Amino acid sequence: MPLLTIAIDAVAALLYYFQLNNPGSVQYLFGLVGQIIITIVLIVITFSYQGPRLSRFRDINFVRPFTFRYSIIIISMLLNAFLLFLYFLNYLGINPVVFSSY
């Protein structure tokens, strides 16, 4: 599952670079729809993960952190959900921070 998540992130990165090099409203809509699909797939992967979620190690405060594999899935899902929010703001014209030229 973590390797699948990394592959999905690579597809999301390629989708971003496609939009960055070919700006336009049709490309932004295509990217928004693609990012919605990617985020939904990552949410499904996050909740259907069957491996160990918490490590056996306990911290000083007796807190059990996530395992490394589950952390990759969680971080990927959170970053792609945030990127979906930025794509949505860009598509509506509220804040073009995602594709702004420095």
PDB file of N, CA and C in Angstrom:
ATOM      1  N   MET A   1       0.806  -1.208   0.000  1.00  0.00           N
ATOM      2  CA  MET A   1       0.000   0.000   0.000  1.00  0.00           C
ATOM      3  C   MET A   1       0.851   1.274   0.000  1.00  0.00           C
ATOM      4  N   PRO A   2       1.943   1.328   0.787  1.00  0.00           N
ATOM      5  CA  PRO A   2       2.745   2.554   0.727  1.00  0.00           C
ATOM      6  C   PRO A   2       3.363   2.790  -0.653  1.00  0.00           C
ATOM      7  N   LEU A   3       3.747   1.700  -1.335  1.00  0.00           N
ATOM      8  CA  LEU A   3       4.300   1.875  -2.682  1.00  0.00           C
ATOM      9  C   LEU A   3       3.236   2.357  -3.658  1.00  0.00           C
ATOM     10  N   LEU A   4       2.020   1.873  -3.492  1.00  0.00           N
ATOM     11  CA  LEU A   4       0.909   2.355  -4.310  1.00  0.00           C
ATOM     12  C   LEU A   4       0.654   3.836  -4.039  1.00  0.00           C
ATOM     13  N   THR A   5       0.765   4.227  -2.789  1.00  0.00           N
ATOM     14  CA  THR A   5       0.582   5.632  -2.423  1.00  0.00           C
ATOM     15  C   THR A   5       1.660   6.509  -3.053  1.00  0.00           C
ATOM     16  N   ILE A   6       2.894   6.025  -3.045  1.00  0.00           N
ATOM     17  CA  ILE A   6       3.986   6.783  -3.666  1.00  0.00           C
ATOM     18  C   ILE A   6       3.770   6.884  -5.174  1.00  0.00           C
ATOM     19  N   ALA A   7       3.284   5.814  -5.797  1.00  0.00           N
ATOM     20  CA  ALA A   7       2.991   5.857  -7.236  1.00  0.00           C
ATOM     21  C   ALA A   7       1.865   6.845  -7.537  1.00  0.00           C
ATOM     22  N   ILE A   8       0.849   6.887  -6.686  1.00  0.00           N
ATOM     23  CA  ILE A   8      -0.244   7.848  -6.867  1.00  0.00           C
ATOM     24  C   ILE A   8       0.275   9.273  -6.706  1.00  0.00           C
ATOM     25  N   ASP A   9       1.202   9.480  -5.768  1.00  0.00           N
ATOM     26  CA  ASP A   9       1.804  10.805  -5.607  1.00  0.00           C
ATOM     27  C   ASP A   9       2.611  11.205  -6.838  1.00  0.00           C
ATOM     28  N   ALA A  10       3.267  10.237  -7.466  1.00  0.00           N
ATOM     29  CA  ALA A  10       4.011  10.536  -8.691  1.00  0.00           C
ATOM     30  C   ALA A  10       3.059  10.960  -9.811  1.00  0.00           C
ATOM     31  N   VAL A  11       1.912  10.313  -9.901  1.00  0.00           N
ATOM     32  CA  VAL A  11       0.903  10.707 -10.896  1.00  0.00           C
ATOM     33  C   VAL A  11       0.394  12.114 -10.598  1.00  0.00           C
ATOM     34  N   ALA A  12       0.182  12.422  -9.319  1.00  0.00           N
ATOM     35  CA  ALA A  12      -0.273  13.761  -8.940  1.00  0.00           C
ATOM     36  C   ALA A  12       0.784  14.810  -9.279  1.00  0.00           C
ATOM     37  N   ALA A  13       2.058  14.468  -9.097  1.00  0.00           N
ATOM     38  CA  ALA A  13       3.128  15.403  -9.442  1.00  0.00           C
ATOM     39  C   ALA A  13       3.185  15.635 -10.953  1.00  0.00           C
ATOM     40  N   LEU A  14       3.019  14.578 -11.737  1.00  0.00           N
ATOM     41  CA  LEU A  14       2.995  14.739 -13.194  1.00  0.00           C
ATOM     42  C   LEU A  14       1.810  15.578 -13.644  1.00  0.00           C
ATOM     43  N   LEU A  15       0.677  15.387 -12.995  1.00  0.00           N
ATOM     44  CA  LEU A  15      -0.511  16.183 -13.303  1.00  0.00           C
ATOM     45  C   LEU A  15      -0.272  17.659 -12.988  1.00  0.00           C
ATOM     46  N   TYR A  16       0.418  17.919 -11.881  1.00  0.00           N
ATOM     47  CA  TYR A  16       0.738  19.298 -11.509  1.00  0.00           C
ATOM     48  C   TYR A  16       1.675  19.937 -12.535  1.00  0.00           C
ATOM     49  N   TYR A  17       2.728  19.215 -12.942  1.00  0.00           N
ATOM     50  CA  TYR A  17       3.669  19.780 -13.904  1.00  0.00           C
ATOM     51  C   TYR A  17       3.033  19.975 -15.275  1.00  0.00           C
ATOM     52  N   PHE A  18       2.082  19.130 -15.629  1.00  0.00           N
ATOM     53  CA  PHE A  18       1.344  19.328 -16.875  1.00  0.00           C
ATOM     54  C   PHE A  18       0.583  20.651 -16.836  1.00  0.00           C
ATOM     55  N   GLN A  19      -0.071  20.938 -15.714  1.00  0.00           N
ATOM     56  CA  GLN A  19      -0.832  22.182 -15.587  1.00  0.00           C
ATOM     57  C   GLN A  19       0.089  23.387 -15.489  1.00  0.00           C
ATOM     58  N   LEU A  20       1.237  23.199 -14.872  1.00  0.00           N
ATOM     59  CA  LEU A  20       2.176  24.306 -14.716  1.00  0.00           C
ATOM     60  C   LEU A  20       2.755  24.731 -16.062  1.00  0.00           C
ATOM     61  N   ASN A  21       3.030  23.763 -16.929  1.00  0.00           N
ATOM     62  CA  ASN A  21       3.619  24.070 -18.230  1.00  0.00           C
ATOM     63  C   ASN A  21       2.588  24.442 -19.288  1.00  0.00           C
ATOM     64  N   ASN A  22       1.328  24.089 -19.091  1.00  0.00           N
ATOM     65  CA  ASN A  22       0.259  24.390 -20.046  1.00  0.00           C
ATOM     66  C   ASN A  22      -0.900  25.065 -19.321  1.00  0.00           C
ATOM     67  N   PRO A  23      -0.752  26.324 -18.949  1.00  0.00           N
ATOM     68  CA  PRO A  23      -1.834  26.969 -18.192  1.00  0.00           C
ATOM     69  C   PRO A  23      -3.060  27.215 -19.068  1.00  0.00           C
ATOM     70  N   GLY A  24      -4.206  27.114 -18.436  1.00  0.00           N
ATOM     71  CA  GLY A  24      -5.474  27.341 -19.116  1.00  0.00           C
ATOM     72  C   GLY A  24      -6.605  26.795 -18.277  1.00  0.00           C
ATOM     73  N   SER A  25      -7.797  27.302 -18.522  1.00  0.00           N
ATOM     74  CA  SER A  25      -8.923  26.894 -17.682  1.00  0.00           C
ATOM     75  C   SER A  25      -9.302  25.430 -17.897  1.00  0.00           C
ATOM     76  N   VAL A  26      -9.137  24.918 -19.121  1.00  0.00           N
ATOM     77  CA  VAL A  26      -9.458  23.511 -19.374  1.00  0.00           C
ATOM     78  C   VAL A  26      -8.462  22.604 -18.648  1.00  0.00           C
ATOM     79  N   GLN A  27      -7.185  22.980 -18.678  1.00  0.00           N
ATOM     80  CA  GLN A  27      -6.175  22.190 -17.980  1.00  0.00           C
ATOM     81  C   GLN A  27      -6.383  22.240 -16.471  1.00  0.00           C
ATOM     82  N   TYR A  28      -6.792  23.406 -15.963  1.00  0.00           N
ATOM     83  CA  TYR A  28      -7.041  23.519 -14.524  1.00  0.00           C
ATOM     84  C   TYR A  28      -8.244  22.673 -14.113  1.00  0.00           C
ATOM     85  N   LEU A  29      -9.264  22.618 -14.955  1.00  0.00           N
ATOM     86  CA  LEU A  29     -10.417  21.766 -14.658  1.00  0.00           C
ATOM     87  C   LEU A  29     -10.023  20.293 -14.710  1.00  0.00           C
ATOM     88  N   PHE A  30      -9.229  19.928 -15.703  1.00  0.00           N
ATOM     89  CA  PHE A  30      -8.727  18.558 -15.804  1.00  0.00           C
ATOM     90  C   PHE A  30      -7.906  18.191 -14.569  1.00  0.00           C
ATOM     91  N   GLY A  31      -7.066  19.109 -14.118  1.00  0.00           N
ATOM     92  CA  GLY A  31      -6.265  18.870 -12.920  1.00  0.00           C
ATOM     93  C   GLY A  31      -7.106  18.783 -11.664  1.00  0.00           C
ATOM     94  N   LEU A  32      -8.146  19.613 -11.584  1.00  0.00           N
ATOM     95  CA  LEU A  32      -9.037  19.576 -10.420  1.00  0.00           C
ATOM     96  C   LEU A  32      -9.774  18.243 -10.347  1.00  0.00           C
ATOM     97  N   VAL A  33     -10.280  17.769 -11.471  1.00  0.00           N
ATOM     98  CA  VAL A  33     -10.979  16.477 -11.494  1.00  0.00           C
ATOM     99  C   VAL A  33     -10.002  15.342 -11.171  1.00  0.00           C
ATOM    100  N   GLY A  34      -8.808  15.414 -11.733  1.00  0.00           N
ATOM    101  CA  GLY A  34      -7.796  14.399 -11.430  1.00  0.00           C
ATOM    102  C   GLY A  34      -7.409  14.393  -9.964  1.00  0.00           C
ATOM    103  N   GLN A  35      -7.274  15.573  -9.380  1.00  0.00           N
ATOM    104  CA  GLN A  35      -6.913  15.662  -7.965  1.00  0.00           C
ATOM    105  C   GLN A  35      -8.048  15.173  -7.070  1.00  0.00           C
ATOM    106  N   ILE A  36      -9.293  15.398  -7.471  1.00  0.00           N
ATOM    107  CA  ILE A  36     -10.434  14.864  -6.712  1.00  0.00           C
ATOM    108  C   ILE A  36     -10.384  13.337  -6.708  1.00  0.00           C
ATOM    109  N   ILE A  37     -10.123  12.747  -7.865  1.00  0.00           N
ATOM    110  CA  ILE A  37     -10.046  11.286  -7.960  1.00  0.00           C
ATOM    111  C   ILE A  37      -8.888  10.754  -7.125  1.00  0.00           C
ATOM    112  N   ILE A  38      -7.731  11.408  -7.213  1.00  0.00           N
ATOM    113  CA  ILE A  38      -6.558  10.978  -6.447  1.00  0.00           C
ATOM    114  C   ILE A  38      -6.827  11.071  -4.952  1.00  0.00           C
ATOM    115  N   THR A  39      -7.454  12.152  -4.504  1.00  0.00           N
ATOM    116  CA  THR A  39      -7.738  12.319  -3.080  1.00  0.00           C
ATOM    117  C   THR A  39      -8.737  11.278  -2.589  1.00  0.00           C
ATOM    118  N   ILE A  40      -9.754  10.984  -3.375  1.00  0.00           N
ATOM    119  CA  ILE A  40     -10.731   9.963  -2.969  1.00  0.00           C
ATOM    120  C   ILE A  40     -10.062   8.592  -2.874  1.00  0.00           C
ATOM    121  N   VAL A  41      -9.206   8.266  -3.831  1.00  0.00           N
ATOM    122  CA  VAL A  41      -8.494   6.983  -3.786  1.00  0.00           C
ATOM    123  C   VAL A  41      -7.605   6.912  -2.548  1.00  0.00           C
ATOM    124  N   LEU A  42      -6.919   8.005  -2.217  1.00  0.00           N
ATOM    125  CA  LEU A  42      -6.051   8.001  -1.039  1.00  0.00           C
ATOM    126  C   LEU A  42      -6.844   7.916   0.260  1.00  0.00           C
ATOM    127  N   ILE A  43      -8.020   8.515   0.307  1.00  0.00           N
ATOM    128  CA  ILE A  43      -8.867   8.385   1.502  1.00  0.00           C
ATOM    129  C   ILE A  43      -9.321   6.935   1.663  1.00  0.00           C
ATOM    130  N   VAL A  44      -9.683   6.288   0.560  1.00  0.00           N
ATOM    131  CA  VAL A  44     -10.075   4.876   0.621  1.00  0.00           C
ATOM    132  C   VAL A  44      -8.898   4.017   1.079  1.00  0.00           C
ATOM    133  N   ILE A  45      -7.709   4.283   0.563  1.00  0.00           N
ATOM    134  CA  ILE A  45      -6.522   3.534   0.980  1.00  0.00           C
ATOM    135  C   ILE A  45      -6.236   3.758   2.461  1.00  0.00           C
ATOM    136  N   THR A  46      -6.401   4.988   2.928  1.00  0.00           N
ATOM    137  CA  THR A  46      -6.128   5.290   4.332  1.00  0.00           C
ATOM    138  C   THR A  46      -7.039   4.506   5.264  1.00  0.00           C
ATOM    139  N   PHE A  47      -8.323   4.451   4.958  1.00  0.00           N
ATOM    140  CA  PHE A  47      -9.250   3.774   5.857  1.00  0.00           C
ATOM    141  C   PHE A  47      -9.304   2.264   5.652  1.00  0.00           C
ATOM    142  N   SER A  48      -8.832   1.767   4.516  1.00  0.00           N
ATOM    143  CA  SER A  48      -8.858   0.324   4.284  1.00  0.00           C
ATOM    144  C   SER A  48      -7.505  -0.333   4.537  1.00  0.00           C
ATOM    145  N   TYR A  49      -6.540   0.394   5.051  1.00  0.00           N
ATOM    146  CA  TYR A  49      -5.215  -0.158   5.329  1.00  0.00           C
ATOM    147  C   TYR A  49      -5.321  -1.221   6.416  1.00  0.00           C
ATOM    148  N   GLN A  50      -4.818  -2.426   6.138  1.00  0.00           N
ATOM    149  CA  GLN A  50      -4.939  -3.550   7.065  1.00  0.00           C
ATOM    150  C   GLN A  50      -3.677  -3.805   7.876  1.00  0.00           C
ATOM    151  N   GLY A  51      -2.601  -3.116   7.581  1.00  0.00           N
ATOM    152  CA  GLY A  51      -1.350  -3.328   8.296  1.00  0.00           C
ATOM    153  C   GLY A  51      -1.365  -2.675   9.670  1.00  0.00           C
ATOM    154  N   PRO A  52      -0.263  -2.812  10.385  1.00  0.00           N
ATOM    155  CA  PRO A  52      -0.191  -2.184  11.710  1.00  0.00           C
ATOM    156  C   PRO A  52      -0.168  -0.661  11.587  1.00  0.00           C
ATOM    157  N   ARG A  53      -0.988  -0.017  12.367  1.00  0.00           N
ATOM    158  CA  ARG A  53      -1.077   1.439  12.303  1.00  0.00           C
ATOM    159  C   ARG A  53      -0.222   2.111  13.366  1.00  0.00           C
ATOM    160  N   LEU A  54      -0.103   1.487  14.504  1.00  0.00           N
ATOM    161  CA  LEU A  54       0.684   2.056  15.595  1.00  0.00           C
ATOM    162  C   LEU A  54       1.885   1.160  15.866  1.00  0.00           C
ATOM    163  N   SER A  55       3.015   1.791  16.172  1.00  0.00           N
ATOM    164  CA  SER A  55       4.212   1.010  16.456  1.00  0.00           C
ATOM    165  C   SER A  55       4.166   0.475  17.881  1.00  0.00           C
ATOM    166  N   ARG A  56       5.035  -0.490  18.158  1.00  0.00           N
ATOM    167  CA  ARG A  56       5.085  -1.050  19.505  1.00  0.00           C
ATOM    168  C   ARG A  56       5.855  -0.143  20.451  1.00  0.00           C
ATOM    169  N   PHE A  57       6.644   0.765  19.877  1.00  0.00           N
ATOM    170  CA  PHE A  57       7.444   1.692  20.673  1.00  0.00           C
ATOM    171  C   PHE A  57       6.546   2.703  21.372  1.00  0.00           C
ATOM    172  N   ARG A  58       6.877   3.003  22.613  1.00  0.00           N
ATOM    173  CA  ARG A  58       6.150   4.032  23.354  1.00  0.00           C
ATOM    174  C   ARG A  58       7.105   5.172  23.666  1.00  0.00           C
ATOM    175  N   ASP A  59       6.626   6.370  23.473  1.00  0.00           N
ATOM    176  CA  ASP A  59       7.421   7.568  23.696  1.00  0.00           C
ATOM    177  C   ASP A  59       7.532   7.844  25.194  1.00  0.00           C
ATOM    178  N   ILE A  60       8.182   8.933  25.548  1.00  0.00           N
ATOM    179  CA  ILE A  60       8.325   9.334  26.947  1.00  0.00           C
ATOM    180  C   ILE A  60       6.955   9.552  27.579  1.00  0.00           C
ATOM    181  N   ASN A  61       6.024  10.085  26.805  1.00  0.00           N
ATOM    182  CA  ASN A  61       4.675  10.357  27.306  1.00  0.00           C
ATOM    183  C   ASN A  61       3.737   9.166  27.116  1.00  0.00           C
ATOM    184  N   PHE A  62       4.289   7.996  26.822  1.00  0.00           N
ATOM    185  CA  PHE A  62       3.524   6.771  26.591  1.00  0.00           C
ATOM    186  C   PHE A  62       2.567   6.907  25.407  1.00  0.00           C
ATOM    187  N   VAL A  63       3.014   7.613  24.385  1.00  0.00           N
ATOM    188  CA  VAL A  63       2.244   7.773  23.156  1.00  0.00           C
ATOM    189  C   VAL A  63       2.828   6.830  22.109  1.00  0.00           C
ATOM    190  N   ARG A  64       1.965   6.106  21.422  1.00  0.00           N
ATOM    191  CA  ARG A  64       2.415   5.202  20.372  1.00  0.00           C
ATOM    192  C   ARG A  64       2.294   5.902  19.023  1.00  0.00           C
ATOM    193  N   PRO A  65       3.423   6.200  18.361  1.00  0.00           N
ATOM    194  CA  PRO A  65       3.345   6.872  17.056  1.00  0.00           C
ATOM    195  C   PRO A  65       2.919   5.902  15.955  1.00  0.00           C
ATOM    196  N   PHE A  66       2.569   6.475  14.797  1.00  0.00           N
ATOM    197  CA  PHE A  66       2.220   5.669  13.633  1.00  0.00           C
ATOM    198  C   PHE A  66       3.442   4.902  13.149  1.00  0.00           C
ATOM    199  N   THR A  67       3.195   3.787  12.479  1.00  0.00           N
ATOM    200  CA  THR A  67       4.291   3.078  11.832  1.00  0.00           C
ATOM    201  C   THR A  67       4.745   3.884  10.617  1.00  0.00           C
ATOM    202  N   PHE A  68       5.932   3.563  10.119  1.00  0.00           N
ATOM    203  CA  PHE A  68       6.488   4.312   8.995  1.00  0.00           C
ATOM    204  C   PHE A  68       5.618   4.159   7.751  1.00  0.00           C
ATOM    205  N   ARG A  69       5.129   2.950   7.496  1.00  0.00           N
ATOM    206  CA  ARG A  69       4.297   2.713   6.312  1.00  0.00           C
ATOM    207  C   ARG A  69       2.972   3.465   6.394  1.00  0.00           C
ATOM    208  N   TYR A  70       2.356   3.439   7.561  1.00  0.00           N
ATOM    209  CA  TYR A  70       1.083   4.141   7.710  1.00  0.00           C
ATOM    210  C   TYR A  70       1.301   5.654   7.685  1.00  0.00           C
ATOM    211  N   SER A  71       2.448   6.110   8.162  1.00  0.00           N
ATOM    212  CA  SER A  71       2.760   7.544   8.113  1.00  0.00           C
ATOM    213  C   SER A  71       2.865   8.039   6.677  1.00  0.00           C
ATOM    214  N   ILE A  72       3.452   7.223   5.809  1.00  0.00           N
ATOM    215  CA  ILE A  72       3.540   7.597   4.393  1.00  0.00           C
ATOM    216  C   ILE A  72       2.142   7.779   3.810  1.00  0.00           C
ATOM    217  N   ILE A  73       1.233   6.867   4.132  1.00  0.00           N
ATOM    218  CA  ILE A  73      -0.129   6.933   3.608  1.00  0.00           C
ATOM    219  C   ILE A  73      -0.858   8.160   4.151  1.00  0.00           C
ATOM    220  N   ILE A  74      -0.735   8.407   5.454  1.00  0.00           N
ATOM    221  CA  ILE A  74      -1.418   9.547   6.081  1.00  0.00           C
ATOM    222  C   ILE A  74      -0.893  10.872   5.533  1.00  0.00           C
ATOM    223  N   ILE A  75       0.426  11.014   5.452  1.00  0.00           N
ATOM    224  CA  ILE A  75       1.011  12.268   4.962  1.00  0.00           C
ATOM    225  C   ILE A  75       0.619  12.507   3.506  1.00  0.00           C
ATOM    226  N   SER A  76       0.628  11.460   2.700  1.00  0.00           N
ATOM    227  CA  SER A  76       0.227  11.594   1.304  1.00  0.00           C
ATOM    228  C   SER A  76      -1.221  12.038   1.181  1.00  0.00           C
ATOM    229  N   MET A  77      -2.091  11.435   1.977  1.00  0.00           N
ATOM    230  CA  MET A  77      -3.505  11.798   1.922  1.00  0.00           C
ATOM    231  C   MET A  77      -3.714  13.244   2.364  1.00  0.00           C
ATOM    232  N   LEU A  78      -3.056  13.656   3.439  1.00  0.00           N
ATOM    233  CA  LEU A  78      -3.224  15.024   3.933  1.00  0.00           C
ATOM    234  C   LEU A  78      -2.690  16.060   2.943  1.00  0.00           C
ATOM    235  N   LEU A  79      -1.519  15.800   2.370  1.00  0.00           N
ATOM    236  CA  LEU A  79      -0.950  16.751   1.414  1.00  0.00           C
ATOM    237  C   LEU A  79      -1.789  16.849   0.141  1.00  0.00           C
ATOM    238  N   ASN A  80      -2.294  15.726  -0.337  1.00  0.00           N
ATOM    239  CA  ASN A  80      -3.130  15.767  -1.535  1.00  0.00           C
ATOM    240  C   ASN A  80      -4.476  16.415  -1.267  1.00  0.00           C
ATOM    241  N   ALA A  81      -5.021  16.253  -0.062  1.00  0.00           N
ATOM    242  CA  ALA A  81      -6.271  16.937   0.282  1.00  0.00           C
ATOM    243  C   ALA A  81      -6.044  18.448   0.353  1.00  0.00           C
ATOM    244  N   PHE A  82      -4.904  18.864   0.906  1.00  0.00           N
ATOM    245  CA  PHE A  82      -4.573  20.291   0.942  1.00  0.00           C
ATOM    246  C   PHE A  82      -4.360  20.830  -0.471  1.00  0.00           C
ATOM    247  N   LEU A  83      -3.699  20.052  -1.320  1.00  0.00           N
ATOM    248  CA  LEU A  83      -3.490  20.467  -2.702  1.00  0.00           C
ATOM    249  C   LEU A  83      -4.809  20.554  -3.456  1.00  0.00           C
ATOM    250  N   LEU A  84      -5.748  19.675  -3.154  1.00  0.00           N
ATOM    251  CA  LEU A  84      -7.083  19.756  -3.754  1.00  0.00           C
ATOM    252  C   LEU A  84      -7.760  21.063  -3.371  1.00  0.00           C
ATOM    253  N   PHE A  85      -7.620  21.471  -2.123  1.00  0.00           N
ATOM    254  CA  PHE A  85      -8.180  22.746  -1.675  1.00  0.00           C
ATOM    255  C   PHE A  85      -7.547  23.913  -2.438  1.00  0.00           C
ATOM    256  N   LEU A  86      -6.226  23.874  -2.635  1.00  0.00           N
ATOM    257  CA  LEU A  86      -5.555  24.941  -3.381  1.00  0.00           C
ATOM    258  C   LEU A  86      -5.963  24.938  -4.857  1.00  0.00           C
ATOM    259  N   TYR A  87      -6.134  23.756  -5.447  1.00  0.00           N
ATOM    260  CA  TYR A  87      -6.619  23.674  -6.826  1.00  0.00           C
ATOM    261  C   TYR A  87      -8.008  24.287  -6.943  1.00  0.00           C
ATOM    262  N   PHE A  88      -8.851  24.009  -5.963  1.00  0.00           N
ATOM    263  CA  PHE A  88     -10.210  24.547  -5.965  1.00  0.00           C
ATOM    264  C   PHE A  88     -10.187  26.067  -5.875  1.00  0.00           C
ATOM    265  N   LEU A  89      -9.337  26.617  -5.002  1.00  0.00           N
ATOM    266  CA  LEU A  89      -9.214  28.074  -4.903  1.00  0.00           C
ATOM    267  C   LEU A  89      -8.697  28.671  -6.206  1.00  0.00           C
ATOM    268  N   ASN A  90      -7.755  27.992  -6.848  1.00  0.00           N
ATOM    269  CA  ASN A  90      -7.210  28.481  -8.106  1.00  0.00           C
ATOM    270  C   ASN A  90      -8.265  28.437  -9.209  1.00  0.00           C
ATOM    271  N   TYR A  91      -9.047  27.368  -9.267  1.00  0.00           N
ATOM    272  CA  TYR A  91     -10.050  27.241 -10.323  1.00  0.00           C
ATOM    273  C   TYR A  91     -11.141  28.292 -10.192  1.00  0.00           C
ATOM    274  N   LEU A  92     -11.516  28.637  -8.961  1.00  0.00           N
ATOM    275  CA  LEU A  92     -12.534  29.663  -8.755  1.00  0.00           C
ATOM    276  C   LEU A  92     -11.982  31.078  -8.903  1.00  0.00           C
ATOM    277  N   GLY A  93     -10.668  31.219  -8.991  1.00  0.00           N
ATOM    278  CA  GLY A  93     -10.059  32.530  -9.146  1.00  0.00           C
ATOM    279  C   GLY A  93      -9.904  33.284  -7.841  1.00  0.00           C
ATOM    280  N   ILE A  94     -10.054  32.613  -6.720  1.00  0.00           N
ATOM    281  CA  ILE A  94      -9.939  33.273  -5.423  1.00  0.00           C
ATOM    282  C   ILE A  94      -8.479  33.527  -5.078  1.00  0.00           C
ATOM    283  N   ASN A  95      -7.634  32.507  -5.260  1.00  0.00           N
ATOM    284  CA  ASN A  95      -6.229  32.629  -4.908  1.00  0.00           C
ATOM    285  C   ASN A  95      -5.408  31.726  -5.826  1.00  0.00           C
ATOM    286  N   PRO A  96      -4.656  32.305  -6.758  1.00  0.00           N
ATOM    287  CA  PRO A  96      -3.882  31.486  -7.693  1.00  0.00           C
ATOM    288  C   PRO A  96      -2.488  31.134  -7.175  1.00  0.00           C
ATOM    289  N   VAL A  97      -2.363  30.822  -5.898  1.00  0.00           N
ATOM    290  CA  VAL A  97      -1.050  30.588  -5.305  1.00  0.00           C
ATOM    291  C   VAL A  97      -0.396  29.313  -5.841  1.00  0.00           C
ATOM    292  N   VAL A  98      -1.165  28.354  -6.300  1.00  0.00           N
ATOM    293  CA  VAL A  98      -0.598  27.093  -6.765  1.00  0.00           C
ATOM    294  C   VAL A  98       0.177  27.287  -8.061  1.00  0.00           C
ATOM    295  N   PHE A  99      -0.362  28.052  -8.976  1.00  0.00           N
ATOM    296  CA  PHE A  99       0.266  28.223 -10.279  1.00  0.00           C
ATOM    297  C   PHE A  99       0.729  29.659 -10.514  1.00  0.00           C
ATOM    298  N   SER A 100       1.050  30.365  -9.461  1.00  0.00           N
ATOM    299  CA  SER A 100       1.514  31.744  -9.628  1.00  0.00           C
ATOM    300  C   SER A 100       2.971  31.735 -10.078  1.00  0.00           C
ATOM    301  N   SER A 101       3.309  32.682 -10.912  1.00  0.00           N
ATOM    302  CA  SER A 101       4.701  32.806 -11.344  1.00  0.00           C
ATOM    303  C   SER A 101       5.390  33.787 -10.416  1.00  0.00           C
ATOM    304  N   TYR A 102       6.290  33.321  -9.667  1.00  0.00           N
ATOM    305  CA  TYR A 102       7.009  34.073  -8.649  1.00  0.00           C
ATOM    306  C   TYR A 102       7.120  35.503  -9.046  1.00  0.00           C
TER     307      TYR A 102
END
